[in-house]
C-alpha atoms as a PDB file:
ATOM      1  CA  MET A   1     -20.803 -16.251 -44.891  1.00  0.00           C
ATOM      2  CA  ARG A   2     -23.065 -13.197 -44.692  1.00  0.00           C
ATOM      3  CA  THR A   3     -24.610 -14.502 -41.443  1.00  0.00           C
ATOM      4  CA  LEU A   4     -21.149 -14.951 -39.969  1.00  0.00           C
ATOM      5  CA  PHE A   5     -20.176 -11.322 -40.697  1.00  0.00           C
ATOM      6  CA  GLU A   6     -23.501 -10.010 -39.314  1.00  0.00           C
ATOM      7  CA  SER A   7     -23.034 -12.091 -36.173  1.00  0.00           C
ATOM      8  CA  ALA A   8     -19.455 -10.857 -35.737  1.00  0.00           C
ATOM      9  CA  ARG A   9     -20.586  -7.245 -36.221  1.00  0.00           C
ATOM     10  CA  MET A  10     -23.388  -7.694 -33.665  1.00  0.00           C
ATOM     11  CA  LEU A  11     -20.941  -9.297 -31.219  1.00  0.00           C
ATOM     12  CA  LEU A  12     -18.513  -6.390 -31.643  1.00  0.00           C
ATOM     13  CA  ALA A  13     -21.277  -3.782 -31.244  1.00  0.00           C
ATOM     14  CA  LEU A  14     -22.690  -5.414 -28.106  1.00  0.00           C
ATOM     15  CA  THR A  15     -19.205  -5.904 -26.666  1.00  0.00           C
ATOM     16  CA  VAL A  16     -18.423  -2.200 -27.085  1.00  0.00           C
ATOM     17  CA  LEU A  17     -21.844  -1.188 -25.769  1.00  0.00           C
ATOM     18  CA  THR A  18     -22.021  -3.480 -22.725  1.00  0.00           C
ATOM     19  CA  GLY A  19     -18.313  -3.875 -22.028  1.00  0.00           C
ATOM     20  CA  LEU A  20     -17.148  -0.313 -22.551  1.00  0.00           C
ATOM     21  CA  VAL A  21     -19.867   2.323 -22.959  1.00  0.00           C
ATOM     22  CA  TYR A  22     -22.208   1.110 -20.201  1.00  0.00           C
ATOM     23  CA  PRO A  23     -19.495   0.597 -17.506  1.00  0.00           C
ATOM     24  CA  LEU A  24     -17.933   3.991 -18.280  1.00  0.00           C
ATOM     25  CA  MET A  25     -21.343   5.666 -18.126  1.00  0.00           C
ATOM     26  CA  VAL A  26     -22.264   4.015 -14.799  1.00  0.00           C
ATOM     27  CA  THR A  27     -18.837   4.865 -13.353  1.00  0.00           C
ATOM     28  CA  ALA A  28     -19.136   8.510 -14.426  1.00  0.00           C
ATOM     29  CA  ILE A  29     -22.639   8.816 -12.943  1.00  0.00           C
ATOM     30  CA  GLY A  30     -21.546   7.122  -9.706  1.00  0.00           C
ATOM     31  CA  GLN A  31     -18.488   9.321  -9.293  1.00  0.00           C
ATOM     32  CA  THR A  32     -20.524  12.436 -10.031  1.00  0.00           C
ATOM     33  CA  LEU A  33     -23.515  11.737  -7.797  1.00  0.00           C
ATOM     34  CA  PHE A  34     -21.821   9.649  -5.062  1.00  0.00           C
ATOM     35  CA  PRO A  35     -18.103  10.517  -5.058  1.00  0.00           C
ATOM     36  CA  VAL A  36     -17.356   9.278  -1.521  1.00  0.00           C
ATOM     37  CA  GLN A  37     -19.235   5.994  -1.864  1.00  0.00           C
ATOM     38  CA  SER A  38     -17.876   5.195  -5.322  1.00  0.00           C
ATOM     39  CA  GLY A  39     -14.366   5.781  -3.978  1.00  0.00           C
ATOM     40  CA  GLY A  40     -14.804   3.153  -1.250  1.00  0.00           C
ATOM     41  CA  SER A  41     -15.977   5.472   1.569  1.00  0.00           C
ATOM     42  CA  LEU A  42     -12.358   5.954   2.619  1.00  0.00           C
ATOM     43  CA  ILE A  43     -11.510   7.951   5.736  1.00  0.00           C
ATOM     44  CA  ASP A  44      -8.701  10.474   5.456  1.00  0.00           C
ATOM     45  CA  ASN A  45      -7.122  11.415   8.781  1.00  0.00           C
ATOM     46  CA  GLY A  46      -4.579  14.183   8.311  1.00  0.00           C
ATOM     47  CA  GLY A  47      -3.623  13.129   4.780  1.00  0.00           C
ATOM     48  CA  VAL A  48      -3.427   9.425   5.662  1.00  0.00           C
ATOM     49  CA  ILE A  49      -6.088   6.910   4.618  1.00  0.00           C
ATOM     50  CA  VAL A  50      -6.905   5.039   7.844  1.00  0.00           C
ATOM     51  CA  GLY A  51      -9.700   2.804   6.598  1.00  0.00           C
ATOM     52  CA  SER A  52     -13.174   2.646   5.148  1.00  0.00           C
ATOM     53  CA  THR A  53     -16.504   3.193   6.857  1.00  0.00           C
ATOM     54  CA  LEU A  54     -17.646  -0.002   5.120  1.00  0.00           C
ATOM     55  CA  ILE A  55     -15.019  -2.484   6.364  1.00  0.00           C
ATOM     56  CA  GLY A  56     -14.299  -3.464   9.956  1.00  0.00           C
ATOM     57  CA  GLN A  57     -10.732  -3.398  11.273  1.00  0.00           C
ATOM     58  CA  ALA A  58      -9.147  -5.327  14.092  1.00  0.00           C
ATOM     59  CA  THR A  59      -7.530  -3.641  17.066  1.00  0.00           C
ATOM     60  CA  ASP A  60      -6.088  -5.268  20.165  1.00  0.00           C
ATOM     61  CA  ASP A  61      -5.413  -1.997  21.963  1.00  0.00           C
ATOM     62  CA  PRO A  62      -7.600  -1.897  25.118  1.00  0.00           C
ATOM     63  CA  ARG A  63      -7.754   1.913  24.793  1.00  0.00           C
ATOM     64  CA  TYR A  64     -10.028   1.559  21.751  1.00  0.00           C
ATOM     65  CA  PHE A  65     -13.404   0.032  21.004  1.00  0.00           C
ATOM     66  CA  GLN A  66     -13.124  -3.545  19.824  1.00  0.00           C
ATOM     67  CA  PRO A  67     -15.082  -4.459  16.667  1.00  0.00           C
ATOM     68  CA  ARG A  68     -17.178  -7.529  16.008  1.00  0.00           C
ATOM     69  CA  PRO A  69     -15.215 -10.753  15.759  1.00  0.00           C
ATOM     70  CA  SER A  70     -14.302 -11.841  12.237  1.00  0.00           C
ATOM     71  CA  ALA A  71     -14.098 -15.435  11.021  1.00  0.00           C
ATOM     72  CA  ILE A  72     -11.696 -14.278   8.267  1.00  0.00           C
ATOM     73  CA  GLY A  73      -9.407 -12.000  10.269  1.00  0.00           C
ATOM     74  CA  TYR A  74     -10.866  -8.835   8.683  1.00  0.00           C
ATOM     75  CA  ASN A  75      -9.335  -9.759   5.312  1.00  0.00           C
ATOM     76  CA  PRO A  76     -11.621  -8.282   2.627  1.00  0.00           C
ATOM     77  CA  LEU A  77     -10.499 -10.666  -0.111  1.00  0.00           C
ATOM     78  CA  PRO A  78     -12.240 -13.880   1.004  1.00  0.00           C
ATOM     79  CA  SER A  79     -15.132 -12.038   2.740  1.00  0.00           C
ATOM     80  CA  GLY A  80     -17.244 -14.666   4.446  1.00  0.00           C
ATOM     81  CA  GLY A  81     -18.398 -16.173   7.672  1.00  0.00           C
ATOM     82  CA  SER A  82     -17.468 -19.422   9.342  1.00  0.00           C
ATOM     83  CA  ASN A  83     -20.559 -21.244   8.019  1.00  0.00           C
ATOM     84  CA  GLN A  84     -20.884 -23.018  11.366  1.00  0.00           C
ATOM     85  CA  SER A  85     -24.418 -24.042  12.243  1.00  0.00           C
ATOM     86  CA  ALA A  86     -26.163 -23.090  15.465  1.00  0.00           C
ATOM     87  CA  THR A  87     -25.606 -26.657  16.703  1.00  0.00           C
ATOM     88  CA  SER A  88     -21.884 -26.685  15.895  1.00  0.00           C
ATOM     89  CA  ARG A  89     -19.595 -27.546  18.797  1.00  0.00           C
ATOM     90  CA  ALA A  90     -16.861 -25.442  17.192  1.00  0.00           C
ATOM     91  CA  LEU A  91     -19.191 -22.429  17.182  1.00  0.00           C
ATOM     92  CA  GLU A  92     -20.190 -23.090  20.781  1.00  0.00           C
ATOM     93  CA  SER A  93     -16.521 -23.307  21.746  1.00  0.00           C
ATOM     94  CA  SER A  94     -15.559 -20.084  19.928  1.00  0.00           C
ATOM     95  CA  VAL A  95     -18.481 -18.189  21.500  1.00  0.00           C
ATOM     96  CA  ALA A  96     -17.501 -19.433  24.970  1.00  0.00           C
ATOM     97  CA  GLU A  97     -13.882 -18.430  24.327  1.00  0.00           C
ATOM     98  CA  ARG A  98     -14.946 -14.962  23.168  1.00  0.00           C
ATOM     99  CA  ALA A  99     -17.133 -14.536  26.267  1.00  0.00           C
ATOM    100  CA  THR A 100     -14.190 -15.476  28.490  1.00  0.00           C
ATOM    101  CA  ASN A 101     -11.890 -13.058  26.640  1.00  0.00           C
ATOM    102  CA  LEU A 102     -14.476 -10.280  26.904  1.00  0.00           C
ATOM    103  CA  GLY A 103     -14.765 -10.878  30.648  1.00  0.00           C
ATOM    104  CA  THR A 104     -10.988 -10.676  30.998  1.00  0.00           C
ATOM    105  CA  LEU A 105     -10.729  -7.554  28.840  1.00  0.00           C
ATOM    106  CA  ASN A 106     -13.743  -5.872  30.476  1.00  0.00           C
ATOM    107  CA  PRO A 107     -13.576  -6.864  34.173  1.00  0.00           C
ATOM    108  CA  ALA A 108     -16.326  -4.391  35.127  1.00  0.00           C
ATOM    109  CA  HIS A 109     -18.754  -6.577  33.161  1.00  0.00           C
ATOM    110  CA  ALA A 110     -17.271 -10.026  33.843  1.00  0.00           C
ATOM    111  CA  GLY A 111     -20.041 -12.571  34.103  1.00  0.00           C
ATOM    112  CA  ALA A 112     -22.520 -10.268  32.362  1.00  0.00           C
ATOM    113  CA  ALA A 113     -24.565 -11.275  29.358  1.00  0.00           C
ATOM    114  CA  TRP A 114     -22.692 -10.037  26.301  1.00  0.00           C
ATOM    115  CA  PRO A 115     -24.448  -8.693  23.210  1.00  0.00           C
ATOM    116  CA  ALA A 116     -24.532 -11.264  20.416  1.00  0.00           C
ATOM    117  CA  ASP A 117     -22.501  -9.065  18.085  1.00  0.00           C
ATOM    118  CA  LEU A 118     -19.503  -9.287  20.449  1.00  0.00           C
ATOM    119  CA  LEU A 119     -19.742 -13.078  20.593  1.00  0.00           C
ATOM    120  CA  GLY A 120     -20.482 -14.095  17.013  1.00  0.00           C
ATOM    121  CA  ALA A 121     -18.713 -13.123  13.808  1.00  0.00           C
ATOM    122  CA  SER A 122     -20.693 -11.316  11.148  1.00  0.00           C
ATOM    123  CA  ALA A 123     -21.735 -13.100   7.957  1.00  0.00           C
ATOM    124  CA  SER A 124     -19.210 -11.166   5.871  1.00  0.00           C
ATOM    125  CA  GLY A 125     -16.500 -11.065   8.528  1.00  0.00           C
ATOM    126  CA  LEU A 126     -16.098  -7.364   7.726  1.00  0.00           C
ATOM    127  CA  ASP A 127     -18.957  -5.693   9.587  1.00  0.00           C
ATOM    128  CA  PRO A 128     -17.782  -2.200  10.621  1.00  0.00           C
ATOM    129  CA  HIS A 129     -20.602  -1.680  13.134  1.00  0.00           C
ATOM    130  CA  LEU A 130     -21.472  -2.651  16.682  1.00  0.00           C
ATOM    131  CA  SER A 131     -24.770  -2.444  18.459  1.00  0.00           C
ATOM    132  CA  PRO A 132     -25.068   0.534  20.825  1.00  0.00           C
ATOM    133  CA  GLU A 133     -25.163  -1.943  23.734  1.00  0.00           C
ATOM    134  CA  ALA A 134     -21.848  -3.509  22.663  1.00  0.00           C
ATOM    135  CA  ALA A 135     -20.221  -0.080  22.438  1.00  0.00           C
ATOM    136  CA  ARG A 136     -21.629   1.034  25.816  1.00  0.00           C
ATOM    137  CA  LEU A 137     -20.267  -2.091  27.529  1.00  0.00           C
ATOM    138  CA  GLN A 138     -16.732  -1.136  26.461  1.00  0.00           C
ATOM    139  CA  VAL A 139     -16.825   2.395  27.883  1.00  0.00           C
ATOM    140  CA  ALA A 140     -15.648   1.403  31.385  1.00  0.00           C
ATOM    141  CA  ARG A 141     -12.652  -0.542  30.016  1.00  0.00           C
ATOM    142  CA  ILE A 142     -11.600   2.280  27.710  1.00  0.00           C
ATOM    143  CA  ALA A 143     -11.969   4.899  30.448  1.00  0.00           C
ATOM    144  CA  GLU A 144      -9.854   2.760  32.775  1.00  0.00           C
ATOM    145  CA  ALA A 145      -7.191   2.022  30.135  1.00  0.00           C
ATOM    146  CA  ARG A 146      -6.906   5.718  29.279  1.00  0.00           C
ATOM    147  CA  GLY A 147      -7.011   6.918  32.883  1.00  0.00           C
ATOM    148  CA  LEU A 148      -9.942   9.249  32.199  1.00  0.00           C
ATOM    149  CA  ASP A 149     -11.290  11.473  34.958  1.00  0.00           C
ATOM    150  CA  ALA A 150     -15.036  11.717  35.724  1.00  0.00           C
ATOM    151  CA  ALA A 151     -15.700  14.512  33.211  1.00  0.00           C
ATOM    152  CA  GLN A 152     -13.833  12.651  30.471  1.00  0.00           C
ATOM    153  CA  ARG A 153     -15.803   9.467  31.246  1.00  0.00           C
ATOM    154  CA  VAL A 154     -19.026  11.406  30.746  1.00  0.00           C
ATOM    155  CA  ALA A 155     -17.643  12.763  27.458  1.00  0.00           C
ATOM    156  CA  LEU A 156     -16.755   9.210  26.383  1.00  0.00           C
ATOM    157  CA  ALA A 157     -20.271   7.937  27.131  1.00  0.00           C
ATOM    158  CA  ALA A 158     -21.715  10.953  25.280  1.00  0.00           C
ATOM    159  CA  LEU A 159     -19.466  10.211  22.301  1.00  0.00           C
ATOM    160  CA  VAL A 160     -20.930   6.718  22.022  1.00  0.00           C
ATOM    161  CA  GLU A 161     -24.467   8.107  22.150  1.00  0.00           C
ATOM    162  CA  ARG A 162     -23.660  10.759  19.550  1.00  0.00           C
ATOM    163  CA  ARG A 163     -22.163   8.160  17.192  1.00  0.00           C
ATOM    164  CA  ILE A 164     -25.290   5.938  17.149  1.00  0.00           C
ATOM    165  CA  GLU A 165     -26.632   5.749  13.606  1.00  0.00           C
ATOM    166  CA  PRO A 166     -30.382   5.124  13.166  1.00  0.00           C
ATOM    167  CA  PRO A 167     -31.745   2.309  10.995  1.00  0.00           C
ATOM    168  CA  THR A 168     -31.358   3.021   7.280  1.00  0.00           C
ATOM    169  CA  LEU A 169     -34.405   4.909   5.988  1.00  0.00           C
ATOM    170  CA  GLY A 170     -35.773   4.722   9.528  1.00  0.00           C
ATOM    171  CA  PHE A 171     -36.784   1.056   9.333  1.00  0.00           C
ATOM    172  CA  LEU A 172     -34.055  -1.066   7.683  1.00  0.00           C
ATOM    173  CA  GLY A 173     -31.730  -2.727  10.161  1.00  0.00           C
ATOM    174  CA  ALA A 174     -31.068  -1.680  13.728  1.00  0.00           C
ATOM    175  CA  PRO A 175     -29.337   1.253  15.405  1.00  0.00           C
ATOM    176  CA  ARG A 176     -25.564   0.840  15.119  1.00  0.00           C
ATOM    177  CA  VAL A 177     -22.203   2.464  15.846  1.00  0.00           C
ATOM    178  CA  ASN A 178     -19.367   2.590  13.318  1.00  0.00           C
ATOM    179  CA  VAL A 179     -16.323   1.429  15.302  1.00  0.00           C
ATOM    180  CA  LEU A 180     -13.668   3.115  13.151  1.00  0.00           C
ATOM    181  CA  LEU A 181     -15.387   6.521  13.268  1.00  0.00           C
ATOM    182  CA  LEU A 182     -15.884   6.120  17.021  1.00  0.00           C
ATOM    183  CA  ASN A 183     -12.232   5.241  17.574  1.00  0.00           C
ATOM    184  CA  LEU A 184     -11.040   8.186  15.485  1.00  0.00           C
ATOM    185  CA  GLU A 185     -12.980  10.611  17.701  1.00  0.00           C
ATOM    186  CA  LEU A 186     -11.856   8.859  20.867  1.00  0.00           C
ATOM    187  CA  ASP A 187      -8.425  10.474  20.938  1.00  0.00           C
ATOM    188  CA  ASP A 188     -10.043  13.940  20.980  1.00  0.00           C
ATOM    189  CA  ILE A 189     -11.400  13.307  24.490  1.00  0.00           C
ATOM    190  CA  GLN A 190      -7.974  13.462  26.124  1.00  0.00           C
END
């Protein structure tokens, strides 16, 4: 009986320590040292939360930069890719369909080789970034859809260049552009 009470006491102590004290301590440290990141990296635009810098969002409006395709429709709950292999006919078909749609949406580049990130969905289905090449290829379409003059087109191209983020720590990953942040600044050009 004594062993049972000692075991129950140890279970209670470890439950309080690992299930209450430790999570509260980590949460407090995270919110103190990294308040934006621990809050989900949310973007406030005039008092309205418009998204997160960490999660991609779909837009069909030709006046804005289109994000990477998503196999899950940008729904953060299931978060995952299509799991189609490189030899999958379904993957081949979806890539061909995306290339056709890109050519239709961006007639100035119809028939061009498209960056892979515009053709294939990301592994999570939520990637908020594009390669600089994918963003640059959309500039002509956006300028046309917005009716931008020559000076505004130059400002649009400069905006893309200014929004390019370097690899993390200088060597992890590749240069990238956050689509949501880019689209939020886009309306300032006009």
